[in-house]
Amino acid sequence: MQQFVSALAHTIAGVDQLERIDQTLESLRLTGSIRLAAQLLDHLEEITGANQITSPHLTALLDHWRQALTE
């Protein structure tokens, strides 16, 4: 799972990639896989933080999903 998220973190270059991440997390949420979605979100946050990958769109997406998964 960490390799998957690492690859995602390194390919985030635009809105298209963020939409794919959003769609993946939404699919996991809709199928009741909240724990897996939260784990993927945790890994994505760790990897983007460790690699100092910053983007206002990425930050907004991560914040949105962190809130959505804790409701």
Protein backbone atom coordinates (compact mmCIF):
# COMPACT_ATOMS: atom_id res chain seq x y z
CA MET A 1 0.00 0.00 0.00
CA GLN A 2 2.83 2.41 0.81
CA GLN A 3 4.35 1.98 -2.67
CA PHE A 4 0.96 2.77 -4.21
CA VAL A 5 0.57 5.94 -2.19
CA SER A 6 4.19 6.91 -2.82
CA ALA A 7 3.61 6.65 -6.55
CA LEU A 8 0.49 8.78 -6.19
CA ALA A 9 2.35 11.40 -4.21
CA HIS A 10 5.03 11.70 -6.85
CA THR A 11 2.60 11.97 -9.73
CA ILE A 12 0.41 14.68 -8.24
CA ALA A 13 0.98 17.44 -10.72
CA GLY A 14 -2.49 18.68 -11.47
CA VAL A 15 -6.18 18.51 -10.91
CA ASP A 16 -6.54 15.30 -12.92
CA GLN A 17 -4.50 13.30 -10.39
CA LEU A 18 -6.34 14.87 -7.48
CA GLU A 19 -9.66 13.93 -9.07
CA ARG A 20 -8.50 10.31 -9.28
CA ILE A 21 -7.53 10.31 -5.62
CA ASP A 22 -10.88 11.89 -4.74
CA GLN A 23 -12.74 9.26 -6.79
CA THR A 24 -10.81 6.43 -5.16
CA LEU A 25 -11.56 7.68 -1.65
CA GLU A 26 -15.21 8.24 -2.56
CA SER A 27 -15.48 4.69 -3.94
CA LEU A 28 -14.00 3.28 -0.75
CA ARG A 29 -16.39 5.35 1.35
CA LEU A 30 -19.42 4.26 -0.68
CA THR A 31 -18.50 0.58 -0.34
CA GLY A 32 -18.11 0.90 3.42
CA SER A 33 -14.33 0.61 3.35
CA ILE A 34 -13.88 3.60 5.67
CA ARG A 35 -10.91 2.09 7.48
CA LEU A 36 -9.05 1.42 4.23
CA ALA A 37 -9.84 4.92 2.97
CA ALA A 38 -8.51 6.37 6.24
CA GLN A 39 -5.34 4.28 5.96
CA LEU A 40 -4.76 5.45 2.39
CA LEU A 41 -5.33 9.03 3.48
CA ASP A 42 -2.86 8.61 6.36
CA HIS A 43 -0.21 7.21 4.02
CA LEU A 44 -0.81 9.91 1.45
CA GLU A 45 -0.44 12.61 4.11
CA GLU A 46 2.76 11.00 5.44
CA ILE A 47 4.36 10.68 2.03
CA THR A 48 3.40 14.10 0.74
CA GLY A 49 4.63 15.62 4.00
CA ALA A 50 7.90 13.69 3.95
CA ASN A 51 8.53 14.70 0.35
CA GLN A 52 7.39 18.28 0.98
CA ILE A 53 4.79 18.06 -1.77
CA THR A 54 2.54 21.06 -1.34
CA SER A 55 -0.41 22.36 -3.26
CA PRO A 56 -3.46 24.32 -2.15
CA HIS A 57 -5.63 21.84 -4.06
CA LEU A 58 -3.95 18.87 -2.40
CA THR A 59 -4.30 20.46 1.04
CA ALA A 60 -7.99 21.13 0.43
CA LEU A 61 -8.55 17.56 -0.75
CA LEU A 62 -6.78 16.04 2.25
CA ASP A 63 -8.64 18.32 4.65
CA HIS A 64 -11.97 17.48 3.01
CA TRP A 65 -11.39 13.74 3.29
CA ARG A 66 -10.02 13.89 6.82
CA GLN A 67 -13.24 15.63 7.87
CA ALA A 68 -15.50 13.38 5.76
CA LEU A 69 -14.00 10.19 7.18
CA THR A 70 -14.37 11.31 10.79
CA GLU A 71 -18.06 12.24 10.55
